């Protein structure tokens, strides 16, 4: 029967013994941290950015197809150039920080 870690210390010991950090949980946590950092920086530099963005997209409910098409076009502009340079399964890692090399501009666009 394989060893089953008990508690936080057992989980941490097993996690550290993997040799490399798996992308799943670490990726999710650092991306949330990056989004929080970007939002905090925007709030510090441009205090009313959220209200301005809300006004900009408030017409989306009147013209949902146009709004959807605009969001798809912006996403394509952010994704396609890097997807052509790097394959979608390519990942870059630095310690616990992982990201897909074809997607960093998408994160920037939706922040």
N, C-alpha and C. Protein backbone atom coordinates (compact mmCIF):
# COMPACT_ATOMS: atom_id res chain seq x y z
N UNK A 1 0.84 -1.18 0.00
CA UNK A 1 0.00 0.00 0.00
C UNK A 1 0.89 1.25 0.00
N UNK A 2 0.62 2.23 -0.92
CA UNK A 2 1.46 3.43 -0.98
C UNK A 2 1.23 4.32 0.24
N UNK A 3 2.24 5.13 0.51
CA UNK A 3 2.16 6.07 1.63
C UNK A 3 1.11 7.13 1.36
N UNK A 4 0.25 7.35 2.32
CA UNK A 4 -0.76 8.39 2.19
C UNK A 4 -0.42 9.49 3.20
N UNK A 5 -0.10 10.69 2.71
CA UNK A 5 0.27 11.76 3.65
C UNK A 5 -0.91 12.15 4.54
N UNK A 6 -0.60 12.45 5.77
CA UNK A 6 -1.61 12.89 6.72
C UNK A 6 -1.34 14.33 7.11
N UNK A 7 -2.34 15.14 7.04
CA UNK A 7 -2.22 16.51 7.49
C UNK A 7 -1.40 17.37 6.54
N UNK A 8 -1.24 18.62 6.92
CA UNK A 8 -0.53 19.59 6.11
C UNK A 8 0.95 19.24 5.95
N UNK A 9 1.59 18.79 7.03
CA UNK A 9 3.02 18.46 6.94
C UNK A 9 3.25 17.27 6.01
N UNK A 10 2.38 16.28 6.04
CA UNK A 10 2.51 15.14 5.13
C UNK A 10 2.28 15.55 3.68
N UNK A 11 1.30 16.41 3.47
CA UNK A 11 1.04 16.91 2.12
C UNK A 11 2.26 17.68 1.61
N UNK A 12 2.81 18.57 2.46
CA UNK A 12 3.96 19.39 2.05
C UNK A 12 5.17 18.50 1.75
N UNK A 13 5.40 17.46 2.55
CA UNK A 13 6.53 16.56 2.33
C UNK A 13 6.37 15.83 0.98
N UNK A 14 5.18 15.35 0.69
CA UNK A 14 4.93 14.69 -0.59
C UNK A 14 5.06 15.67 -1.76
N UNK A 15 4.54 16.86 -1.58
CA UNK A 15 4.60 17.89 -2.63
C UNK A 15 6.05 18.21 -2.98
N UNK A 16 6.89 18.41 -1.97
CA UNK A 16 8.30 18.75 -2.18
C UNK A 16 9.08 17.59 -2.78
N UNK A 17 8.63 16.36 -2.58
CA UNK A 17 9.35 15.20 -3.10
C UNK A 17 9.07 14.94 -4.58
N UNK A 18 8.19 15.70 -5.19
CA UNK A 18 7.85 15.49 -6.60
C UNK A 18 8.98 15.86 -7.54
N UNK A 19 9.88 16.72 -7.13
CA UNK A 19 10.99 17.13 -7.98
C UNK A 19 10.69 18.41 -8.74
N UNK A 20 9.49 18.55 -9.23
CA UNK A 20 9.06 19.79 -9.87
C UNK A 20 7.64 20.07 -9.42
N UNK A 21 7.30 21.34 -9.44
CA UNK A 21 5.96 21.71 -8.98
C UNK A 21 4.95 21.40 -10.07
N UNK A 22 3.87 20.71 -9.76
CA UNK A 22 2.81 20.51 -10.76
C UNK A 22 2.16 21.85 -11.09
N UNK A 23 1.70 22.00 -12.31
CA UNK A 23 1.15 23.27 -12.75
C UNK A 23 -0.20 23.60 -12.13
N UNK A 24 -1.00 22.64 -11.81
CA UNK A 24 -2.37 22.88 -11.38
C UNK A 24 -2.55 23.87 -10.25
N UNK A 25 -2.40 23.46 -8.99
CA UNK A 25 -2.67 24.36 -7.87
C UNK A 25 -1.78 25.59 -7.85
N UNK A 26 -0.50 25.42 -8.11
CA UNK A 26 0.41 26.57 -8.07
C UNK A 26 0.04 27.58 -9.14
N UNK A 27 -0.32 27.10 -10.32
CA UNK A 27 -0.70 27.98 -11.41
C UNK A 27 -1.91 28.81 -11.01
N UNK A 28 -2.91 28.16 -10.47
CA UNK A 28 -4.14 28.83 -10.11
C UNK A 28 -3.89 29.92 -9.07
N UNK A 29 -3.11 29.60 -8.06
CA UNK A 29 -2.84 30.56 -6.99
C UNK A 29 -2.03 31.75 -7.50
N UNK A 30 -0.98 31.50 -8.30
CA UNK A 30 -0.17 32.64 -8.73
C UNK A 30 -0.91 33.51 -9.72
N UNK A 31 -1.79 32.93 -10.55
CA UNK A 31 -2.57 33.75 -11.49
C UNK A 31 -3.55 34.63 -10.71
N UNK A 32 -4.17 34.09 -9.67
CA UNK A 32 -5.03 34.92 -8.83
C UNK A 32 -4.24 36.05 -8.19
N UNK A 33 -3.03 35.75 -7.73
CA UNK A 33 -2.17 36.77 -7.14
C UNK A 33 -1.80 37.83 -8.19
N UNK A 34 -1.50 37.40 -9.41
CA UNK A 34 -1.17 38.35 -10.48
C UNK A 34 -2.36 39.25 -10.79
N UNK A 35 -3.57 38.67 -10.87
CA UNK A 35 -4.76 39.48 -11.12
C UNK A 35 -4.98 40.49 -10.01
N UNK A 36 -4.78 40.06 -8.76
CA UNK A 36 -4.93 40.98 -7.63
C UNK A 36 -3.91 42.12 -7.72
N UNK A 37 -2.68 41.79 -8.07
CA UNK A 37 -1.64 42.81 -8.21
C UNK A 37 -1.96 43.81 -9.30
N UNK A 38 -2.44 43.31 -10.44
CA UNK A 38 -2.81 44.19 -11.55
C UNK A 38 -3.97 45.09 -11.15
N UNK A 39 -4.98 44.51 -10.51
CA UNK A 39 -6.14 45.31 -10.08
C UNK A 39 -5.72 46.37 -9.06
N UNK A 40 -4.84 46.01 -8.13
CA UNK A 40 -4.38 46.97 -7.13
C UNK A 40 -3.58 48.10 -7.78
N UNK A 41 -2.72 47.74 -8.75
CA UNK A 41 -1.93 48.76 -9.44
C UNK A 41 -2.84 49.69 -10.23
N UNK A 42 -3.82 49.14 -10.93
CA UNK A 42 -4.75 49.98 -11.68
C UNK A 42 -5.53 50.91 -10.76
N UNK A 43 -5.95 50.38 -9.62
CA UNK A 43 -6.70 51.21 -8.67
C UNK A 43 -5.82 52.32 -8.11
N UNK A 44 -4.54 52.04 -7.88
CA UNK A 44 -3.63 53.07 -7.37
C UNK A 44 -3.31 54.12 -8.43
N UNK A 45 -3.12 53.67 -9.68
CA UNK A 45 -2.74 54.60 -10.75
C UNK A 45 -3.93 55.32 -11.36
N UNK A 46 -5.03 54.61 -11.52
CA UNK A 46 -6.24 55.18 -12.14
C UNK A 46 -7.43 54.82 -11.25
N UNK A 47 -7.72 55.62 -10.23
CA UNK A 47 -8.73 55.26 -9.24
C UNK A 47 -10.12 54.94 -9.80
N UNK A 48 -10.50 55.51 -10.90
CA UNK A 48 -11.86 55.30 -11.42
C UNK A 48 -11.87 54.38 -12.65
N UNK A 49 -10.86 53.50 -12.79
CA UNK A 49 -10.77 52.65 -13.99
C UNK A 49 -11.94 51.68 -14.08
N UNK A 50 -12.41 51.17 -12.95
CA UNK A 50 -13.52 50.22 -12.96
C UNK A 50 -14.82 50.86 -13.46
N UNK A 51 -15.06 52.08 -13.00
CA UNK A 51 -16.26 52.80 -13.44
C UNK A 51 -16.17 53.12 -14.94
N UNK A 52 -14.99 53.52 -15.39
CA UNK A 52 -14.81 53.84 -16.82
C UNK A 52 -15.01 52.59 -17.68
N UNK A 53 -14.49 51.45 -17.22
CA UNK A 53 -14.67 50.21 -17.96
C UNK A 53 -16.15 49.80 -17.98
N UNK A 54 -16.83 50.00 -16.86
CA UNK A 54 -18.25 49.70 -16.80
C UNK A 54 -19.06 50.55 -17.75
N UNK A 55 -18.75 51.84 -17.82
CA UNK A 55 -19.44 52.72 -18.77
C UNK A 55 -19.16 52.30 -20.21
N UNK A 56 -17.92 51.90 -20.45
CA UNK A 56 -17.52 51.52 -21.82
C UNK A 56 -18.29 50.30 -22.32
N UNK A 57 -18.51 49.33 -21.42
CA UNK A 57 -19.17 48.09 -21.82
C UNK A 57 -20.65 48.04 -21.42
N UNK A 58 -21.21 49.12 -20.92
CA UNK A 58 -22.61 49.11 -20.51
C UNK A 58 -23.56 48.92 -21.69
N UNK A 59 -23.14 49.31 -22.87
CA UNK A 59 -23.98 49.12 -24.05
C UNK A 59 -24.00 47.69 -24.56
N UNK A 60 -23.21 46.83 -23.96
CA UNK A 60 -23.16 45.43 -24.38
C UNK A 60 -24.49 44.71 -24.27
N UNK A 61 -25.32 45.11 -23.32
CA UNK A 61 -26.62 44.45 -23.18
C UNK A 61 -27.59 44.86 -24.29
N UNK A 62 -27.37 46.02 -24.89
CA UNK A 62 -28.23 46.45 -26.01
C UNK A 62 -27.79 45.82 -27.32
N UNK A 63 -26.49 45.53 -27.44
CA UNK A 63 -25.96 44.93 -28.67
C UNK A 63 -25.05 43.76 -28.29
N UNK A 64 -25.64 42.66 -27.78
CA UNK A 64 -24.81 41.57 -27.25
C UNK A 64 -23.95 40.88 -28.32
N UNK A 65 -24.43 40.77 -29.54
CA UNK A 65 -23.65 40.10 -30.58
C UNK A 65 -22.42 40.94 -30.93
N UNK A 66 -22.58 42.25 -31.00
CA UNK A 66 -21.44 43.13 -31.28
C UNK A 66 -20.44 43.07 -30.13
N UNK A 67 -20.92 43.07 -28.91
CA UNK A 67 -20.05 42.99 -27.74
C UNK A 67 -19.29 41.66 -27.74
N UNK A 68 -19.98 40.58 -28.02
CA UNK A 68 -19.35 39.27 -28.08
C UNK A 68 -18.28 39.23 -29.18
N UNK A 69 -18.61 39.75 -30.35
CA UNK A 69 -17.66 39.76 -31.47
C UNK A 69 -16.42 40.58 -31.12
N UNK A 70 -16.62 41.70 -30.44
CA UNK A 70 -15.49 42.54 -30.03
C UNK A 70 -14.59 41.78 -29.04
N UNK A 71 -15.18 41.11 -28.06
CA UNK A 71 -14.39 40.35 -27.10
C UNK A 71 -13.65 39.18 -27.76
N UNK A 72 -14.29 38.52 -28.72
CA UNK A 72 -13.61 37.44 -29.45
C UNK A 72 -12.45 37.99 -30.26
N UNK A 73 -12.64 39.14 -30.91
CA UNK A 73 -11.56 39.75 -31.71
C UNK A 73 -10.38 40.15 -30.83
N UNK A 74 -10.66 40.75 -29.67
CA UNK A 74 -9.58 41.15 -28.76
C UNK A 74 -8.84 39.91 -28.26
N UNK A 75 -9.58 38.86 -27.91
CA UNK A 75 -8.95 37.62 -27.45
C UNK A 75 -8.08 37.01 -28.54
N UNK A 76 -8.57 37.03 -29.78
CA UNK A 76 -7.80 36.47 -30.90
C UNK A 76 -6.51 37.26 -31.12
N UNK A 77 -6.60 38.59 -31.02
CA UNK A 77 -5.39 39.41 -31.18
C UNK A 77 -4.38 39.13 -30.07
N UNK A 78 -4.86 38.78 -28.90
CA UNK A 78 -3.97 38.50 -27.79
C UNK A 78 -3.39 37.08 -27.86
N UNK A 79 -4.12 36.14 -28.45
CA UNK A 79 -3.72 34.74 -28.41
C UNK A 79 -3.02 34.24 -29.67
N UNK A 80 -3.55 34.55 -30.83
CA UNK A 80 -3.07 33.95 -32.08
C UNK A 80 -1.59 34.21 -32.37
N UNK A 81 -1.07 35.42 -32.22
CA UNK A 81 0.36 35.61 -32.53
C UNK A 81 1.29 34.71 -31.71
N UNK A 82 1.03 34.59 -30.42
CA UNK A 82 1.89 33.74 -29.60
C UNK A 82 1.60 32.26 -29.82
N UNK A 83 0.36 31.92 -30.18
CA UNK A 83 0.05 30.52 -30.49
C UNK A 83 0.78 30.07 -31.75
N UNK A 84 1.05 31.01 -32.65
CA UNK A 84 1.82 30.67 -33.85
C UNK A 84 3.31 30.50 -33.52
N UNK A 85 3.81 31.25 -32.54
CA UNK A 85 5.21 31.13 -32.13
C UNK A 85 5.45 29.92 -31.24
N UNK A 86 4.54 29.66 -30.33
CA UNK A 86 4.67 28.57 -29.36
C UNK A 86 3.46 27.67 -29.50
N UNK A 87 3.65 26.38 -29.27
CA UNK A 87 2.49 25.48 -29.30
C UNK A 87 1.72 25.64 -28.00
N UNK A 88 0.40 25.50 -28.04
CA UNK A 88 -0.40 25.68 -26.82
C UNK A 88 0.02 24.80 -25.64
N UNK A 89 0.55 23.58 -25.84
CA UNK A 89 0.96 22.81 -24.67
C UNK A 89 2.28 23.26 -24.02
N UNK A 90 3.01 24.21 -24.63
CA UNK A 90 4.28 24.67 -24.06
C UNK A 90 4.04 25.50 -22.79
N UNK A 91 4.78 25.18 -21.75
CA UNK A 91 4.69 25.89 -20.48
C UNK A 91 6.07 26.40 -20.09
N UNK A 92 6.12 27.53 -19.45
CA UNK A 92 7.34 28.08 -18.88
C UNK A 92 7.17 28.07 -17.37
N UNK A 93 8.22 27.72 -16.65
CA UNK A 93 8.10 27.72 -15.19
C UNK A 93 9.31 28.38 -14.56
N UNK A 94 9.04 29.00 -13.45
CA UNK A 94 10.08 29.59 -12.62
C UNK A 94 9.65 29.32 -11.18
N UNK A 95 10.26 28.34 -10.54
CA UNK A 95 9.83 27.93 -9.21
C UNK A 95 8.39 27.46 -9.26
N UNK A 96 7.53 28.00 -8.42
CA UNK A 96 6.13 27.58 -8.44
C UNK A 96 5.28 28.31 -9.47
N UNK A 97 5.90 29.20 -10.26
CA UNK A 97 5.15 30.01 -11.23
C UNK A 97 5.17 29.35 -12.60
N UNK A 98 4.02 28.98 -13.10
CA UNK A 98 3.88 28.36 -14.41
C UNK A 98 2.96 29.22 -15.27
N UNK A 99 3.26 29.31 -16.54
CA UNK A 99 2.28 29.88 -17.47
C UNK A 99 2.51 29.31 -18.85
N UNK A 100 1.43 29.28 -19.63
CA UNK A 100 1.52 28.81 -20.99
C UNK A 100 2.13 29.93 -21.83
N UNK A 101 3.14 29.60 -22.61
CA UNK A 101 3.84 30.62 -23.38
C UNK A 101 2.96 31.25 -24.45
N UNK A 102 1.88 30.58 -24.83
CA UNK A 102 1.00 31.14 -25.86
C UNK A 102 -0.11 32.01 -25.27
N UNK A 103 -0.19 32.16 -23.95
CA UNK A 103 -1.33 32.86 -23.36
C UNK A 103 -1.07 34.07 -22.47
N UNK A 104 0.12 34.59 -22.32
CA UNK A 104 0.27 35.69 -21.37
C UNK A 104 -0.51 36.95 -21.75
N UNK A 105 -0.71 37.21 -23.05
CA UNK A 105 -1.44 38.41 -23.44
C UNK A 105 -2.93 38.29 -23.14
N UNK A 106 -3.44 37.08 -23.10
CA UNK A 106 -4.86 36.91 -22.73
C UNK A 106 -5.04 37.33 -21.29
N UNK A 107 -4.11 36.94 -20.42
CA UNK A 107 -4.20 37.35 -19.02
C UNK A 107 -4.15 38.87 -18.92
N UNK A 108 -3.28 39.49 -19.73
CA UNK A 108 -3.18 40.95 -19.71
C UNK A 108 -4.48 41.59 -20.18
N UNK A 109 -5.12 41.01 -21.22
CA UNK A 109 -6.35 41.61 -21.78
C UNK A 109 -7.51 41.53 -20.80
N UNK A 110 -7.60 40.43 -20.03
CA UNK A 110 -8.77 40.30 -19.17
C UNK A 110 -8.54 40.89 -17.79
N UNK A 111 -7.37 41.42 -17.54
CA UNK A 111 -7.10 41.99 -16.22
C UNK A 111 -7.71 43.37 -16.09
